[in-house]
Amino acid sequence: MLSTRYLFLTRHGETARNGSLTEAGQRQAVLLGRRLRDVPVTSIHHGPLPHTAQTAELIAAQLPGVPLHVDDAAGDFVPYTPMREELPETSGDLLLAFARQLPPADEERAAEAERRFTGPVLANEPRYEVLVTHHFLAGWLVRAAQDAPPWRWLTLTHAHAGLTVIRYSPGRPAALLTYNDLSHLAAELRWTGFPPDFYVP
């Protein structure tokens, strides 16, 4: 029997140059965990890098009994590199210049992430899963939920510990229930990871 999956998707907390969470990043993770206390979370998945693992552990500390799972498909990688002809005429050169600065795409791992973390679940009741990952994969999964062209992941920006929720119900299109929600964070902890011109007071 297929049941609905609710994916609670987040980017790791703010990270220092040494790869561990900053003090602000730790606070972000704790507050996100508290935000999820009223959700019947069944599992927390995270990438293998230290800052995603630390973020997931701090979230899990607020959700006693919820298991943690490390998964390479939740790691930090480029999901797709577009060709110029795919991109809009007005902004294509800018997007392509950015994409060319990135490592080669790992489309196989991107497809594996979609298989593992999206779509309805084989279960008798809805499943509520948390995925702690990175900027690029978060954008890729949101893009996929909207059936947007592959290049659109390049235009999606994610704050540290922002909360995106996607519902995958049998026989229905994926539904983006909330995107980059920061209401659980104190004002001084919001918008980290964003370019300054993205900030909305």
N, C-alpha and C. Protein backbone atom coordinates (compact mmCIF):
# COMPACT_ATOMS: atom_id res chain seq x y z
N MET A 1 0.85 -1.20 0.00
CA MET A 1 0.00 0.00 0.00
C MET A 1 0.89 1.25 0.00
N LEU A 2 0.57 2.20 -0.86
CA LEU A 2 1.32 3.44 -0.91
C LEU A 2 0.69 4.49 -0.01
N SER A 3 1.54 5.21 0.71
CA SER A 3 1.08 6.28 1.59
C SER A 3 1.88 7.54 1.32
N THR A 4 1.39 8.62 1.86
CA THR A 4 2.01 9.93 1.64
C THR A 4 3.33 10.04 2.40
N ARG A 5 4.31 10.63 1.74
CA ARG A 5 5.57 11.00 2.39
C ARG A 5 5.59 12.53 2.54
N TYR A 6 5.91 12.98 3.75
CA TYR A 6 6.19 14.39 4.00
C TYR A 6 7.69 14.53 4.21
N LEU A 7 8.32 15.26 3.31
CA LEU A 7 9.76 15.47 3.41
C LEU A 7 10.04 16.85 4.00
N PHE A 8 10.68 16.86 5.17
CA PHE A 8 11.08 18.09 5.84
C PHE A 8 12.54 18.32 5.47
N LEU A 9 12.74 19.18 4.51
CA LEU A 9 14.02 19.37 3.86
C LEU A 9 14.71 20.61 4.41
N THR A 10 15.98 20.48 4.79
CA THR A 10 16.70 21.64 5.32
C THR A 10 18.16 21.61 4.91
N ARG A 11 18.72 22.80 4.82
CA ARG A 11 20.16 22.95 4.65
C ARG A 11 20.79 22.94 6.04
N HIS A 12 22.00 22.44 6.15
CA HIS A 12 22.73 22.43 7.42
C HIS A 12 22.83 23.84 8.02
N GLY A 13 23.19 23.91 9.29
CA GLY A 13 23.39 25.21 9.94
C GLY A 13 24.62 25.93 9.43
N GLU A 14 24.74 27.18 9.81
CA GLU A 14 25.89 27.99 9.39
C GLU A 14 27.19 27.30 9.77
N THR A 15 28.16 27.34 8.85
CA THR A 15 29.38 26.55 8.99
C THR A 15 30.63 27.42 8.99
N ALA A 16 31.56 27.09 9.86
CA ALA A 16 32.84 27.79 9.92
C ALA A 16 33.79 27.25 8.85
N ARG A 17 34.91 27.93 8.67
CA ARG A 17 35.87 27.52 7.65
C ARG A 17 36.44 26.12 7.91
N ASN A 18 36.46 25.70 9.17
CA ASN A 18 37.01 24.37 9.49
C ASN A 18 36.01 23.24 9.25
N GLY A 19 34.82 23.57 8.79
CA GLY A 19 33.85 22.54 8.46
C GLY A 19 32.88 22.18 9.56
N SER A 20 33.02 22.76 10.74
CA SER A 20 32.09 22.50 11.83
C SER A 20 31.09 23.66 11.92
N LEU A 21 30.02 23.45 12.64
CA LEU A 21 29.02 24.50 12.78
C LEU A 21 29.55 25.65 13.63
N THR A 22 29.18 26.86 13.25
CA THR A 22 29.44 28.00 14.11
C THR A 22 28.49 27.95 15.30
N GLU A 23 28.70 28.85 16.25
CA GLU A 23 27.76 28.93 17.38
C GLU A 23 26.36 29.23 16.86
N ALA A 24 26.27 30.13 15.89
CA ALA A 24 24.96 30.44 15.30
C ALA A 24 24.37 29.21 14.62
N GLY A 25 25.21 28.45 13.91
CA GLY A 25 24.73 27.24 13.25
C GLY A 25 24.20 26.21 14.24
N GLN A 26 24.85 26.09 15.38
CA GLN A 26 24.36 25.17 16.40
C GLN A 26 23.00 25.62 16.93
N ARG A 27 22.86 26.91 17.17
CA ARG A 27 21.58 27.44 17.64
C ARG A 27 20.49 27.22 16.60
N GLN A 28 20.83 27.43 15.34
CA GLN A 28 19.86 27.20 14.27
C GLN A 28 19.35 25.76 14.27
N ALA A 29 20.27 24.82 14.42
CA ALA A 29 19.89 23.40 14.40
C ALA A 29 19.00 23.05 15.58
N VAL A 30 19.34 23.55 16.76
CA VAL A 30 18.53 23.27 17.95
C VAL A 30 17.12 23.83 17.78
N LEU A 31 17.02 25.05 17.29
CA LEU A 31 15.71 25.68 17.11
C LEU A 31 14.89 24.96 16.05
N LEU A 32 15.54 24.47 15.02
CA LEU A 32 14.81 23.70 14.03
C LEU A 32 14.29 22.40 14.63
N GLY A 33 15.12 21.74 15.44
CA GLY A 33 14.66 20.54 16.12
C GLY A 33 13.45 20.80 16.99
N ARG A 34 13.48 21.91 17.71
CA ARG A 34 12.32 22.27 18.55
C ARG A 34 11.09 22.53 17.71
N ARG A 35 11.29 23.13 16.56
CA ARG A 35 10.16 23.40 15.64
C ARG A 35 9.48 22.09 15.23
N LEU A 36 10.26 21.02 15.13
CA LEU A 36 9.73 19.75 14.63
C LEU A 36 9.18 18.84 15.73
N ARG A 37 9.16 19.31 16.97
CA ARG A 37 8.72 18.45 18.07
C ARG A 37 7.28 17.97 17.93
N ASP A 38 6.44 18.77 17.28
CA ASP A 38 5.03 18.38 17.13
C ASP A 38 4.77 17.57 15.87
N VAL A 39 5.82 17.27 15.13
CA VAL A 39 5.71 16.46 13.91
C VAL A 39 6.06 15.01 14.27
N PRO A 40 5.28 14.04 13.83
CA PRO A 40 5.61 12.63 14.14
C PRO A 40 6.75 12.11 13.25
N VAL A 41 7.93 12.71 13.43
CA VAL A 41 9.08 12.37 12.58
C VAL A 41 9.47 10.90 12.78
N THR A 42 9.66 10.21 11.67
CA THR A 42 10.01 8.79 11.74
C THR A 42 11.51 8.55 11.57
N SER A 43 12.20 9.46 10.86
CA SER A 43 13.63 9.28 10.64
C SER A 43 14.26 10.60 10.22
N ILE A 44 15.56 10.70 10.47
CA ILE A 44 16.35 11.86 10.05
C ILE A 44 17.50 11.34 9.19
N HIS A 45 17.58 11.83 7.97
CA HIS A 45 18.65 11.45 7.04
C HIS A 45 19.58 12.64 6.87
N HIS A 46 20.86 12.37 6.71
CA HIS A 46 21.81 13.47 6.53
C HIS A 46 22.99 13.01 5.70
N GLY A 47 23.67 13.98 5.11
CA GLY A 47 24.87 13.70 4.35
C GLY A 47 26.05 13.37 5.24
N PRO A 48 27.16 12.92 4.65
CA PRO A 48 28.29 12.43 5.44
C PRO A 48 29.23 13.51 5.98
N LEU A 49 29.15 14.74 5.50
CA LEU A 49 30.09 15.77 5.96
C LEU A 49 29.79 16.19 7.40
N PRO A 50 30.82 16.65 8.13
CA PRO A 50 30.65 16.94 9.56
C PRO A 50 29.54 17.94 9.87
N HIS A 51 29.40 18.99 9.08
CA HIS A 51 28.40 20.01 9.43
C HIS A 51 26.97 19.52 9.21
N THR A 52 26.75 18.63 8.24
CA THR A 52 25.41 18.07 8.11
C THR A 52 25.15 17.05 9.22
N ALA A 53 26.16 16.25 9.56
CA ALA A 53 26.00 15.29 10.65
C ALA A 53 25.73 16.01 11.97
N GLN A 54 26.48 17.08 12.24
CA GLN A 54 26.30 17.82 13.49
C GLN A 54 24.91 18.47 13.53
N THR A 55 24.47 19.03 12.41
CA THR A 55 23.13 19.61 12.35
C THR A 55 22.08 18.55 12.65
N ALA A 56 22.21 17.40 12.02
CA ALA A 56 21.24 16.32 12.24
C ALA A 56 21.24 15.84 13.68
N GLU A 57 22.41 15.74 14.28
CA GLU A 57 22.49 15.29 15.67
C GLU A 57 21.83 16.28 16.62
N LEU A 58 22.00 17.57 16.36
CA LEU A 58 21.37 18.58 17.22
C LEU A 58 19.86 18.59 17.04
N ILE A 59 19.40 18.37 15.82
CA ILE A 59 17.96 18.24 15.60
C ILE A 59 17.44 17.01 16.33
N ALA A 60 18.15 15.89 16.19
CA ALA A 60 17.71 14.63 16.81
C ALA A 60 17.67 14.73 18.33
N ALA A 61 18.54 15.54 18.91
CA ALA A 61 18.54 15.71 20.37
C ALA A 61 17.24 16.31 20.86
N GLN A 62 16.54 17.01 19.99
CA GLN A 62 15.24 17.59 20.35
C GLN A 62 14.08 16.63 20.06
N LEU A 63 14.40 15.50 19.44
CA LEU A 63 13.38 14.53 19.02
C LEU A 63 13.78 13.14 19.51
N PRO A 64 13.72 12.90 20.81
CA PRO A 64 14.20 11.63 21.38
C PRO A 64 13.57 10.41 20.71
N GLY A 65 14.44 9.46 20.40
CA GLY A 65 13.96 8.20 19.83
C GLY A 65 13.90 8.16 18.32
N VAL A 66 14.10 9.31 17.67
CA VAL A 66 14.05 9.32 16.20
C VAL A 66 15.42 8.91 15.66
N PRO A 67 15.49 7.88 14.84
CA PRO A 67 16.80 7.38 14.37
C PRO A 67 17.44 8.30 13.33
N LEU A 68 18.77 8.30 13.35
CA LEU A 68 19.58 9.05 12.39
C LEU A 68 20.15 8.09 11.35
N HIS A 69 20.19 8.53 10.09
CA HIS A 69 20.76 7.71 9.02
C HIS A 69 21.66 8.58 8.16
N VAL A 70 22.92 8.21 8.04
CA VAL A 70 23.83 8.91 7.14
C VAL A 70 23.71 8.30 5.76
N ASP A 71 23.68 9.16 4.73
CA ASP A 71 23.45 8.67 3.38
C ASP A 71 24.26 9.50 2.39
N ASP A 72 25.07 8.85 1.59
CA ASP A 72 25.90 9.56 0.62
C ASP A 72 25.06 10.31 -0.40
N ALA A 73 23.84 9.83 -0.67
CA ALA A 73 22.96 10.51 -1.63
C ALA A 73 22.48 11.86 -1.10
N ALA A 74 22.68 12.12 0.19
CA ALA A 74 22.33 13.42 0.77
C ALA A 74 23.55 14.33 0.87
N GLY A 75 24.63 13.99 0.17
CA GLY A 75 25.88 14.72 0.29
C GLY A 75 25.91 16.02 -0.51
N ASP A 76 27.11 16.59 -0.55
CA ASP A 76 27.33 17.89 -1.18
C ASP A 76 27.88 17.66 -2.59
N PHE A 77 27.04 17.84 -3.59
CA PHE A 77 27.47 17.61 -4.98
C PHE A 77 26.61 18.45 -5.91
N VAL A 78 27.12 18.64 -7.11
CA VAL A 78 26.40 19.36 -8.16
C VAL A 78 25.48 18.36 -8.86
N PRO A 79 24.17 18.61 -8.89
CA PRO A 79 23.27 17.62 -9.48
C PRO A 79 23.16 17.66 -10.99
N TYR A 80 23.45 18.83 -11.59
CA TYR A 80 23.22 18.96 -13.03
C TYR A 80 23.92 20.21 -13.54
N THR A 81 24.57 20.09 -14.69
CA THR A 81 25.18 21.24 -15.35
C THR A 81 24.48 21.47 -16.69
N PRO A 82 23.87 22.62 -16.89
CA PRO A 82 23.10 22.84 -18.12
C PRO A 82 23.98 23.22 -19.30
N MET A 83 23.40 23.11 -20.46
CA MET A 83 23.99 23.63 -21.69
C MET A 83 23.42 25.03 -21.92
N ARG A 84 24.15 25.85 -22.66
CA ARG A 84 23.69 27.23 -22.88
C ARG A 84 22.32 27.29 -23.54
N GLU A 85 22.03 26.38 -24.46
CA GLU A 85 20.76 26.43 -25.18
C GLU A 85 19.55 26.12 -24.29
N GLU A 86 19.79 25.52 -23.12
CA GLU A 86 18.69 25.27 -22.19
C GLU A 86 18.28 26.51 -21.42
N LEU A 87 19.16 27.47 -21.33
CA LEU A 87 18.99 28.59 -20.40
C LEU A 87 18.27 29.75 -21.06
N PRO A 88 17.63 30.60 -20.24
CA PRO A 88 16.92 31.75 -20.80
C PRO A 88 17.87 32.70 -21.53
N GLU A 89 17.37 33.34 -22.54
CA GLU A 89 18.19 34.26 -23.32
C GLU A 89 18.71 35.40 -22.45
N THR A 90 17.87 35.91 -21.54
CA THR A 90 18.24 37.10 -20.77
C THR A 90 19.26 36.83 -19.68
N SER A 91 19.21 35.65 -19.06
CA SER A 91 20.09 35.38 -17.92
C SER A 91 21.01 34.18 -18.13
N GLY A 92 20.97 33.59 -19.30
CA GLY A 92 21.71 32.37 -19.54
C GLY A 92 23.21 32.50 -19.38
N ASP A 93 23.79 33.61 -19.82
CA ASP A 93 25.24 33.77 -19.71
C ASP A 93 25.68 33.82 -18.25
N LEU A 94 24.91 34.53 -17.44
CA LEU A 94 25.23 34.61 -16.01
C LEU A 94 25.13 33.25 -15.34
N LEU A 95 24.07 32.51 -15.62
CA LEU A 95 23.88 31.19 -15.02
C LEU A 95 24.96 30.22 -15.48
N LEU A 96 25.31 30.28 -16.75
CA LEU A 96 26.33 29.38 -17.27
C LEU A 96 27.70 29.69 -16.68
N ALA A 97 28.01 30.97 -16.50
CA ALA A 97 29.28 31.35 -15.90
C ALA A 97 29.38 30.81 -14.47
N PHE A 98 28.28 30.88 -13.73
CA PHE A 98 28.26 30.33 -12.37
C PHE A 98 28.44 28.82 -12.41
N ALA A 99 27.69 28.14 -13.28
CA ALA A 99 27.74 26.69 -13.34
C ALA A 99 29.13 26.18 -13.70
N ARG A 100 29.86 26.94 -14.53
CA ARG A 100 31.19 26.51 -14.95
C ARG A 100 32.23 26.63 -13.85
N GLN A 101 31.91 27.35 -12.79
CA GLN A 101 32.82 27.44 -11.65
C GLN A 101 32.70 26.23 -10.72
N LEU A 102 31.67 25.43 -10.91
CA LEU A 102 31.37 24.33 -10.01
C LEU A 102 32.06 23.03 -10.45
N PRO A 103 32.18 22.07 -9.55
CA PRO A 103 32.70 20.75 -9.94
C PRO A 103 31.78 20.09 -10.95
N PRO A 104 32.26 19.05 -11.63
CA PRO A 104 31.39 18.32 -12.56
C PRO A 104 30.15 17.77 -11.85
N ALA A 105 29.06 17.71 -12.59
CA ALA A 105 27.81 17.22 -12.02
C ALA A 105 27.87 15.71 -11.77
N ASP A 106 27.17 15.28 -10.73
CA ASP A 106 27.02 13.86 -10.43
C ASP A 106 25.54 13.52 -10.61
N GLU A 107 25.14 13.35 -11.86
CA GLU A 107 23.73 13.13 -12.16
C GLU A 107 23.23 11.79 -11.62
N GLU A 108 24.13 10.82 -11.53
CA GLU A 108 23.72 9.51 -11.00
C GLU A 108 23.35 9.64 -9.52
N ARG A 109 24.14 10.38 -8.78
CA ARG A 109 23.83 10.56 -7.35
C ARG A 109 22.58 11.41 -7.18
N ALA A 110 22.36 12.38 -8.04
CA ALA A 110 21.14 13.19 -7.98
C ALA A 110 19.91 12.31 -8.20
N ALA A 111 20.00 11.40 -9.17
CA ALA A 111 18.89 10.48 -9.42
C ALA A 111 18.66 9.55 -8.22
N GLU A 112 19.75 9.11 -7.59
CA GLU A 112 19.64 8.27 -6.40
C GLU A 112 18.97 9.02 -5.26
N ALA A 113 19.29 10.31 -5.09
CA ALA A 113 18.66 11.11 -4.05
C ALA A 113 17.15 11.20 -4.28
N GLU A 114 16.75 11.37 -5.52
CA GLU A 114 15.32 11.41 -5.82
C GLU A 114 14.66 10.07 -5.50
N ARG A 115 15.32 8.98 -5.84
CA ARG A 115 14.76 7.66 -5.54
C ARG A 115 14.62 7.44 -4.05
N ARG A 116 15.59 7.89 -3.28
CA ARG A 116 15.61 7.59 -1.84
C ARG A 116 14.73 8.52 -1.01
N PHE A 117 14.59 9.76 -1.42
CA PHE A 117 13.98 10.75 -0.53
C PHE A 117 12.68 11.36 -1.04
N THR A 118 12.24 10.99 -2.24
CA THR A 118 11.03 11.59 -2.77
C THR A 118 10.02 10.52 -3.17
N GLY A 119 8.79 10.95 -3.40
CA GLY A 119 7.72 10.06 -3.83
C GLY A 119 6.99 9.42 -2.67
N PRO A 120 5.81 8.86 -2.92
CA PRO A 120 5.07 8.15 -1.87
C PRO A 120 5.88 6.97 -1.33
N VAL A 121 5.48 6.48 -0.16
CA VAL A 121 6.20 5.39 0.50
C VAL A 121 5.34 4.13 0.55
N LEU A 122 6.00 3.00 0.56
CA LEU A 122 5.30 1.73 0.72
C LEU A 122 5.07 1.51 2.21
N ALA A 123 3.88 1.89 2.67
CA ALA A 123 3.58 1.85 4.10
C ALA A 123 2.07 1.96 4.29
N ASN A 124 1.62 1.71 5.51
CA ASN A 124 0.19 1.77 5.81
C ASN A 124 -0.26 3.12 6.33
N GLU A 125 0.69 4.02 6.59
CA GLU A 125 0.35 5.34 7.10
C GLU A 125 1.39 6.35 6.62
N PRO A 126 1.05 7.63 6.69
CA PRO A 126 2.00 8.65 6.21
C PRO A 126 3.34 8.57 6.94
N ARG A 127 4.38 8.96 6.24
CA ARG A 127 5.73 8.97 6.81
C ARG A 127 6.26 10.41 6.80
N TYR A 128 6.90 10.78 7.90
CA TYR A 128 7.43 12.14 8.06
C TYR A 128 8.94 12.03 8.23
N GLU A 129 9.68 12.44 7.20
CA GLU A 129 11.12 12.28 7.18
C GLU A 129 11.81 13.64 7.13
N VAL A 130 12.91 13.75 7.86
CA VAL A 130 13.74 14.95 7.83
C VAL A 130 14.98 14.64 7.00
N LEU A 131 15.32 15.55 6.11
CA LEU A 131 16.54 15.41 5.31
C LEU A 131 17.41 16.64 5.50
N VAL A 132 18.58 16.42 6.11
CA VAL A 132 19.56 17.50 6.32
C VAL A 132 20.61 17.37 5.24
N THR A 133 20.67 18.36 4.37
CA THR A 133 21.56 18.25 3.23
C THR A 133 22.21 19.59 2.93
N HIS A 134 22.52 19.82 1.66
CA HIS A 134 23.27 21.00 1.25
C HIS A 134 22.46 21.83 0.26
N HIS A 135 22.98 23.01 0.03
CA HIS A 135 22.32 24.00 -0.83
C HIS A 135 21.93 23.42 -2.19
N PHE A 136 22.85 22.74 -2.86
CA PHE A 136 22.60 22.30 -4.23
C PHE A 136 21.53 21.22 -4.29
N LEU A 137 21.62 20.22 -3.41
CA LEU A 137 20.63 19.14 -3.45
C LEU A 137 19.26 19.64 -3.04
N ALA A 138 19.20 20.55 -2.08
CA ALA A 138 17.90 21.12 -1.69
C ALA A 138 17.25 21.78 -2.91
N GLY A 139 18.03 22.55 -3.66
CA GLY A 139 17.49 23.18 -4.85
C GLY A 139 17.03 22.17 -5.88
N TRP A 140 17.80 21.11 -6.04
CA TRP A 140 17.45 20.08 -7.01
C TRP A 140 16.13 19.40 -6.65
N LEU A 141 15.92 19.09 -5.38
CA LEU A 141 14.69 18.40 -4.97
C LEU A 141 13.47 19.31 -5.07
N VAL A 142 13.64 20.59 -4.75
CA VAL A 142 12.53 21.54 -4.91
C VAL A 142 12.19 21.68 -6.39
N ARG A 143 13.22 21.80 -7.22
CA ARG A 143 13.00 21.87 -8.67
C ARG A 143 12.22 20.67 -9.17
N ALA A 144 12.63 19.48 -8.73
CA ALA A 144 11.97 18.25 -9.17
C ALA A 144 10.51 18.23 -8.72
N ALA A 145 10.24 18.69 -7.50
CA ALA A 145 8.87 18.70 -6.99
C ALA A 145 7.96 19.60 -7.81
N GLN A 146 8.55 20.61 -8.45
CA GLN A 146 7.78 21.54 -9.27
C GLN A 146 7.77 21.15 -10.75
N ASP A 147 8.39 20.02 -11.09
CA ASP A 147 8.51 19.62 -12.50
C ASP A 147 9.11 20.72 -13.35
N ALA A 148 10.05 21.45 -12.76
CA ALA A 148 10.71 22.55 -13.47
C ALA A 148 11.88 22.00 -14.30
N PRO A 149 12.33 22.74 -15.30
CA PRO A 149 13.48 22.28 -16.10
C PRO A 149 14.70 22.04 -15.21
N PRO A 150 15.57 21.12 -15.60
CA PRO A 150 16.72 20.78 -14.75
C PRO A 150 17.58 21.96 -14.34
N TRP A 151 17.76 22.95 -15.21
CA TRP A 151 18.63 24.08 -14.88
C TRP A 151 18.09 24.95 -13.75
N ARG A 152 16.81 24.84 -13.42
CA ARG A 152 16.20 25.75 -12.46
C ARG A 152 16.77 25.61 -11.04
N TRP A 153 17.45 24.49 -10.75
CA TRP A 153 18.04 24.36 -9.41
C TRP A 153 19.04 25.48 -9.15
N LEU A 154 19.64 26.00 -10.22
CA LEU A 154 20.65 27.05 -10.08
C LEU A 154 20.08 28.34 -9.51
N THR A 155 18.78 28.53 -9.59
CA THR A 155 18.16 29.80 -9.19
C THR A 155 17.53 29.74 -7.80
N LEU A 156 17.64 28.62 -7.12
CA LEU A 156 17.00 28.45 -5.81
C LEU A 156 18.04 28.59 -4.71
N THR A 157 17.80 29.51 -3.79
CA THR A 157 18.74 29.79 -2.71
C THR A 157 18.12 29.37 -1.39
N HIS A 158 18.92 28.73 -0.54
CA HIS A 158 18.42 28.16 0.71
C HIS A 158 19.19 28.69 1.90
N ALA A 159 18.47 29.20 2.88
CA ALA A 159 19.10 29.69 4.10
C ALA A 159 19.53 28.51 4.97
N HIS A 160 20.50 28.75 5.82
CA HIS A 160 20.89 27.71 6.78
C HIS A 160 19.72 27.43 7.72
N ALA A 161 19.39 26.16 7.87
CA ALA A 161 18.33 25.68 8.77
C ALA A 161 16.96 26.22 8.41
N GLY A 162 16.79 26.71 7.18
CA GLY A 162 15.45 27.03 6.70
C GLY A 162 14.69 25.74 6.46
N LEU A 163 13.37 25.80 6.57
CA LEU A 163 12.56 24.58 6.48
C LEU A 163 11.70 24.61 5.22
N THR A 164 11.88 23.58 4.40
CA THR A 164 11.05 23.36 3.22
C THR A 164 10.31 22.04 3.42
N VAL A 165 9.02 22.03 3.14
CA VAL A 165 8.23 20.81 3.31
C VAL A 165 7.58 20.46 1.98
N ILE A 166 7.80 19.22 1.53
CA ILE A 166 7.22 18.73 0.28
C ILE A 166 6.38 17.50 0.59
N ARG A 167 5.16 17.49 0.06
CA ARG A 167 4.27 16.33 0.24
C ARG A 167 4.22 15.53 -1.05
N TYR A 168 4.41 14.21 -0.91
CA TYR A 168 4.32 13.29 -2.04
C TYR A 168 3.18 12.32 -1.76
N SER A 169 2.03 12.53 -2.39
CA SER A 169 0.86 11.68 -2.16
C SER A 169 0.61 10.78 -3.36
N PRO A 170 0.15 9.56 -3.13
CA PRO A 170 -0.12 8.64 -4.26
C PRO A 170 -1.11 9.25 -5.25
N GLY A 171 -0.77 9.18 -6.52
CA GLY A 171 -1.68 9.62 -7.55
C GLY A 171 -1.84 11.12 -7.69
N ARG A 172 -1.00 11.90 -6.99
CA ARG A 172 -1.11 13.35 -7.05
C ARG A 172 0.28 13.95 -7.32
N PRO A 173 0.32 15.14 -7.92
CA PRO A 173 1.62 15.78 -8.09
C PRO A 173 2.24 16.13 -6.74
N ALA A 174 3.55 16.19 -6.69
CA ALA A 174 4.23 16.65 -5.46
C ALA A 174 3.75 18.07 -5.14
N ALA A 175 3.62 18.36 -3.85
CA ALA A 175 3.12 19.66 -3.42
C ALA A 175 4.16 20.32 -2.52
N LEU A 176 4.58 21.53 -2.89
CA LEU A 176 5.51 22.30 -2.07
C LEU A 176 4.70 23.05 -1.03
N LEU A 177 4.69 22.55 0.21
CA LEU A 177 3.84 23.11 1.26
C LEU A 177 4.43 24.36 1.88
N THR A 178 5.74 24.38 2.04
CA THR A 178 6.41 25.59 2.53
C THR A 178 7.83 25.58 2.00
N TYR A 179 8.37 26.78 1.78
CA TYR A 179 9.71 26.89 1.20
C TYR A 179 10.54 27.88 2.01
N ASN A 180 11.67 27.40 2.52
CA ASN A 180 12.63 28.27 3.19
C ASN A 180 12.02 29.03 4.37
N ASP A 181 11.16 28.36 5.11
CA ASP A 181 10.52 28.98 6.27
C ASP A 181 11.56 29.18 7.37
N LEU A 182 11.65 30.41 7.87
CA LEU A 182 12.64 30.76 8.90
C LEU A 182 11.98 31.19 10.21
N SER A 183 10.69 30.95 10.35
CA SER A 183 9.96 31.49 11.50
C SER A 183 10.40 30.89 12.83
N HIS A 184 11.08 29.74 12.80
CA HIS A 184 11.55 29.12 14.03
C HIS A 184 12.86 29.73 14.53
N LEU A 185 13.49 30.56 13.71
CA LEU A 185 14.78 31.14 14.06
C LEU A 185 14.63 32.55 14.62
N ALA A 186 15.47 32.87 15.61
CA ALA A 186 15.53 34.25 16.09
C ALA A 186 15.99 35.16 14.95
N ALA A 187 15.63 36.42 15.02
CA ALA A 187 15.87 37.35 13.91
C ALA A 187 17.34 37.37 13.49
N GLU A 188 18.25 37.32 14.46
CA GLU A 188 19.68 37.41 14.13
C GLU A 188 20.22 36.13 13.50
N LEU A 189 19.43 35.06 13.52
CA LEU A 189 19.86 33.78 12.94
C LEU A 189 19.27 33.53 11.56
N ARG A 190 18.46 34.43 11.08
CA ARG A 190 17.81 34.24 9.79
C ARG A 190 18.68 34.76 8.65
N TRP A 191 18.46 34.16 7.46
CA TRP A 191 19.05 34.64 6.21
C TRP A 191 20.55 34.37 6.09
N THR A 192 21.15 33.62 7.01
CA THR A 192 22.55 33.27 6.79
C THR A 192 22.62 32.30 5.61
N GLY A 193 23.68 32.45 4.83
CA GLY A 193 23.81 31.64 3.64
C GLY A 193 23.22 32.30 2.41
N PHE A 194 22.62 33.48 2.58
CA PHE A 194 22.03 34.20 1.46
C PHE A 194 22.95 35.33 1.01
N PRO A 195 22.96 35.64 -0.28
CA PRO A 195 23.61 36.88 -0.71
C PRO A 195 22.89 38.08 -0.08
N PRO A 196 23.58 39.17 0.20
CA PRO A 196 22.95 40.32 0.85
C PRO A 196 21.72 40.85 0.13
N ASP A 197 21.70 40.79 -1.19
CA ASP A 197 20.56 41.34 -1.93
C ASP A 197 19.34 40.44 -1.90
N PHE A 198 19.44 39.25 -1.28
CA PHE A 198 18.29 38.37 -1.12
C PHE A 198 17.57 38.63 0.20
N TYR A 199 18.18 39.38 1.08
CA TYR A 199 17.60 39.59 2.41
C TYR A 199 16.29 40.33 2.33
N VAL A 200 15.27 39.81 3.03
CA VAL A 200 13.96 40.45 3.10
C VAL A 200 13.68 40.77 4.57
N PRO A 201 13.58 42.04 4.95
CA PRO A 201 13.36 42.38 6.37
C PRO A 201 12.04 41.83 6.90
